[in-house]
Amino acid sequence: MPHKVLVTTGATYPFDALIELIFTERVLKKLSALAVTDLQIQYGSTPTSRVAYEKCVENCYTVLQSTGINVTGFGITENMASEIRSSWLVISHAGTGTILDTLRSPSPKPRLIVVPNPVLMHGHQAEVAAALDDMNCLLYSKFATEESIVSALDKLDRQFTELPQKHSLADLVNYEAGVIR
C-alpha cells in the first residue's frame, strides 16, 4: 500500500537541518522500503528555507528517481490539518500545535516522529516530545541526526497509545503528572 509522508519544519523559525536529514540517501531509501511514494515537505516561510529545500531536491535527484518517491514542497498553508489527515506518517519539527493536531487527527491516525529543533530556547519542544514518547503516543527522535531518524523509522510498526482527549496542553501535562484523572 503506498504511503504519503508529511515533513513539517514549522512556519516561522527555520529548521533547514531537518530538511537536509530527510534528503539523505539513507533516509530516502528507508522511506522507499516502507512503501512511501509521496514526500511532502513544509519548509516554512523564510526564503532561505525554500532555497534549502530546492537544493536538497536537486542534489538528491538521482536517489529520488531510483526510489520513485514523488516530492512536493510548500512554505505555509492554512490547511495543515488536512495535510496531516491525508498522511501515513508525519515527521515534525516538534511544535506542540503540529503534535496535537496529528495526535488528535481522526482514525486512521498518522504515525508521528518528532525531531525537536535544537536551536530553540529552553528545549521546550524536547520536553513535550519526551513526555509524549514516554506515554507511547509518538516516536521521539531525540537528536536531529540521520541515525536517530532511521532508528525511529525502524519502530513505526509498534502499537501507539491514544492521546487522552483533554482540552489543553496544560490538561495533558497535568493528566500525565497524575494531578487530574
Protein backbone atom coordinates (compact mmCIF):
# COMPACT_ATOMS: atom_id res chain seq x y z
CA MET A 1 0.00 0.00 0.00
CA PRO A 2 1.53 3.37 -0.99
CA HIS A 3 2.14 5.93 1.74
CA LYS A 4 2.45 9.69 2.00
CA VAL A 5 4.87 11.32 4.43
CA LEU A 6 4.49 14.91 5.56
CA VAL A 7 7.58 16.65 6.96
CA THR A 8 6.93 19.85 8.92
CA THR A 9 9.65 22.31 9.85
CA GLY A 10 7.43 24.99 11.37
CA ALA A 11 6.07 28.18 9.91
CA THR A 12 8.24 30.88 11.45
CA TYR A 13 11.59 29.56 12.65
CA PRO A 14 13.73 27.75 10.07
CA PHE A 15 14.72 24.12 10.63
CA ASP A 16 16.65 23.51 7.43
CA ALA A 17 18.66 20.79 9.15
CA LEU A 18 15.54 18.60 9.25
CA ILE A 19 15.03 19.05 5.51
CA GLU A 20 18.65 18.11 4.89
CA LEU A 21 18.32 15.00 7.07
CA ILE A 22 15.24 13.78 5.23
CA PHE A 23 17.05 14.14 1.91
CA THR A 24 19.97 11.90 2.87
CA GLU A 25 20.29 8.80 0.74
CA ARG A 26 19.89 6.52 3.75
CA VAL A 27 16.63 8.13 4.92
CA LEU A 28 15.17 8.25 1.41
CA LYS A 29 15.96 4.58 0.84
CA LYS A 30 14.42 3.69 4.21
CA LEU A 31 11.27 5.62 3.28
CA SER A 32 11.14 3.79 -0.05
CA ALA A 33 11.47 0.45 1.75
CA LEU A 34 8.44 1.49 3.85
CA ALA A 35 6.40 1.91 0.62
CA VAL A 36 6.47 5.70 0.75
CA THR A 37 5.51 7.08 -2.65
CA ASP A 38 4.89 10.73 -1.77
CA LEU A 39 7.03 13.03 0.34
CA GLN A 40 5.59 16.44 1.12
CA ILE A 41 7.88 18.99 2.73
CA GLN A 42 6.55 22.03 4.60
CA TYR A 43 9.74 24.10 4.59
CA GLY A 44 8.47 27.23 6.32
CA SER A 45 8.18 30.88 5.41
CA THR A 46 11.78 32.03 5.10
CA PRO A 47 13.37 32.43 1.66
CA THR A 48 16.45 30.55 2.84
CA SER A 49 14.33 27.53 3.77
CA ARG A 50 12.81 27.40 0.30
CA VAL A 51 16.30 27.54 -1.20
CA ALA A 52 17.48 24.78 1.16
CA TYR A 53 14.52 22.60 0.11
CA GLU A 54 15.12 23.20 -3.61
CA LYS A 55 18.84 22.49 -3.23
CA CYS A 56 18.12 19.19 -1.44
CA VAL A 57 15.71 18.08 -4.17
CA GLU A 58 18.27 18.95 -6.83
CA ASN A 59 21.11 17.18 -5.01
CA CYS A 60 19.02 14.04 -4.46
CA TYR A 61 17.51 13.83 -7.93
CA THR A 62 19.20 10.52 -8.78
CA VAL A 63 18.24 8.90 -5.45
CA LEU A 64 14.67 10.17 -5.77
CA GLN A 65 14.45 8.75 -9.28
CA SER A 66 15.73 5.36 -8.11
CA THR A 67 13.26 5.20 -5.21
CA GLY A 68 10.28 6.51 -7.16
CA ILE A 69 9.37 8.92 -4.37
CA ASN A 70 7.46 11.96 -5.60
CA VAL A 71 8.46 15.14 -3.73
CA THR A 72 6.47 18.34 -3.33
CA GLY A 73 7.06 21.30 -1.06
CA PHE A 74 5.28 24.34 0.27
CA GLY A 75 6.01 27.21 2.64
CA ILE A 76 2.93 27.52 4.80
CA THR A 77 -0.70 26.53 4.46
CA GLU A 78 -3.97 27.34 6.15
CA ASN A 79 -4.97 23.70 5.75
CA MET A 80 -2.29 21.83 7.71
CA ALA A 81 -4.90 19.65 9.44
CA SER A 82 -5.97 18.29 6.05
CA GLU A 83 -2.35 17.63 5.06
CA ILE A 84 -1.87 15.75 8.33
CA ARG A 85 -5.04 13.67 7.90
CA SER A 86 -4.00 12.57 4.42
CA SER A 87 -0.59 11.35 5.61
CA TRP A 88 0.53 7.91 6.75
CA LEU A 89 3.45 9.43 8.66
CA VAL A 90 4.24 12.92 9.93
CA ILE A 91 7.84 13.81 10.71
CA SER A 92 7.52 17.01 12.67
CA HIS A 93 9.71 19.79 13.99
CA ALA A 94 8.04 19.01 17.35
CA GLY A 95 5.92 22.13 17.57
CA THR A 96 3.12 21.47 20.04
CA GLY A 97 0.45 22.58 17.57
CA THR A 98 1.57 20.06 14.97
CA ILE A 99 1.96 17.34 17.60
CA LEU A 100 -1.56 17.86 18.98
CA ASP A 101 -3.11 18.21 15.50
CA THR A 102 -1.53 14.90 14.50
CA LEU A 103 -2.39 13.02 17.68
CA ARG A 104 -5.97 14.32 17.62
CA SER A 105 -6.42 13.51 13.93
CA PRO A 106 -9.32 11.14 13.19
CA SER A 107 -8.57 7.48 12.51
CA PRO A 108 -6.62 6.18 10.84
CA LYS A 109 -4.18 8.42 12.65
CA PRO A 110 -0.86 9.14 11.02
CA ARG A 111 2.19 7.81 12.79
CA LEU A 112 4.28 10.61 14.26
CA ILE A 113 8.01 11.13 14.63
CA VAL A 114 9.09 14.36 16.29
CA VAL A 115 12.51 15.93 15.90
CA PRO A 116 12.99 18.93 18.19
CA ASN A 117 14.85 21.87 16.75
CA PRO A 118 17.95 22.05 18.97
CA VAL A 119 18.49 25.79 18.46
CA LEU A 120 15.20 26.87 20.03
CA MET A 121 15.45 28.33 23.51
CA HIS A 122 14.84 26.32 26.67
CA GLY A 123 14.32 22.97 24.92
CA HIS A 124 10.54 23.15 25.36
CA GLN A 125 9.99 21.07 22.22
CA ALA A 126 12.19 18.31 23.58
CA GLU A 127 10.33 18.26 26.91
CA VAL A 128 6.92 17.89 25.27
CA ALA A 129 8.20 15.29 22.80
CA ALA A 130 9.88 13.23 25.54
CA ALA A 131 6.73 13.24 27.70
CA LEU A 132 4.54 12.08 24.81
CA ASP A 133 7.11 9.45 23.84
CA ASP A 134 7.00 8.18 27.42
CA MET A 135 3.21 7.92 27.02
CA ASN A 136 3.83 5.88 23.81
CA CYS A 137 1.85 8.37 21.71
CA LEU A 138 4.66 9.10 19.25
CA LEU A 139 8.29 8.41 18.43
CA TYR A 140 10.79 10.95 19.69
CA SER A 141 13.94 11.34 17.62
CA LYS A 142 15.94 12.87 20.45
CA PHE A 143 18.70 14.11 18.18
CA ALA A 144 18.43 15.77 14.78
CA THR A 145 20.68 13.14 13.20
CA GLU A 146 20.32 10.70 10.35
CA GLU A 147 20.85 7.76 12.74
CA SER A 148 18.13 8.95 15.10
CA ILE A 149 15.59 9.39 12.29
CA VAL A 150 16.38 5.98 10.76
CA SER A 151 16.07 4.41 14.22
CA ALA A 152 12.63 5.99 14.65
CA LEU A 153 11.58 4.81 11.17
CA ASP A 154 12.53 1.28 12.23
CA LYS A 155 9.97 1.44 15.07
CA LEU A 156 6.89 2.53 13.10
CA ASP A 157 5.22 -0.87 13.34
CA ARG A 158 4.70 -0.66 17.10
CA GLN A 159 1.28 -0.04 18.62
CA PHE A 160 0.77 3.53 19.79
CA THR A 161 -1.38 4.74 22.67
CA GLU A 162 -4.23 7.15 22.00
CA LEU A 163 -3.69 10.64 23.32
CA PRO A 164 -6.02 11.35 26.24
CA GLN A 165 -8.69 13.70 24.94
CA LYS A 166 -8.01 16.68 27.18
CA HIS A 167 -8.84 20.24 26.24
CA SER A 168 -5.42 21.84 26.52
CA LEU A 169 -1.74 21.07 26.68
CA ALA A 170 -1.79 22.08 30.36
CA ASP A 171 -4.54 19.49 31.00
CA LEU A 172 -2.49 16.89 29.15
CA VAL A 173 0.62 17.61 31.23
CA ASN A 174 -1.44 17.56 34.44
CA TYR A 175 -3.04 14.28 33.38
CA GLU A 176 0.35 12.70 32.73
CA ALA A 177 1.70 14.02 36.04
CA GLY A 178 -1.26 12.46 37.84
CA VAL A 179 -2.67 15.80 39.01
CA ILE A 180 -6.01 15.15 37.25
CA ARG A 181 -7.64 11.91 36.08
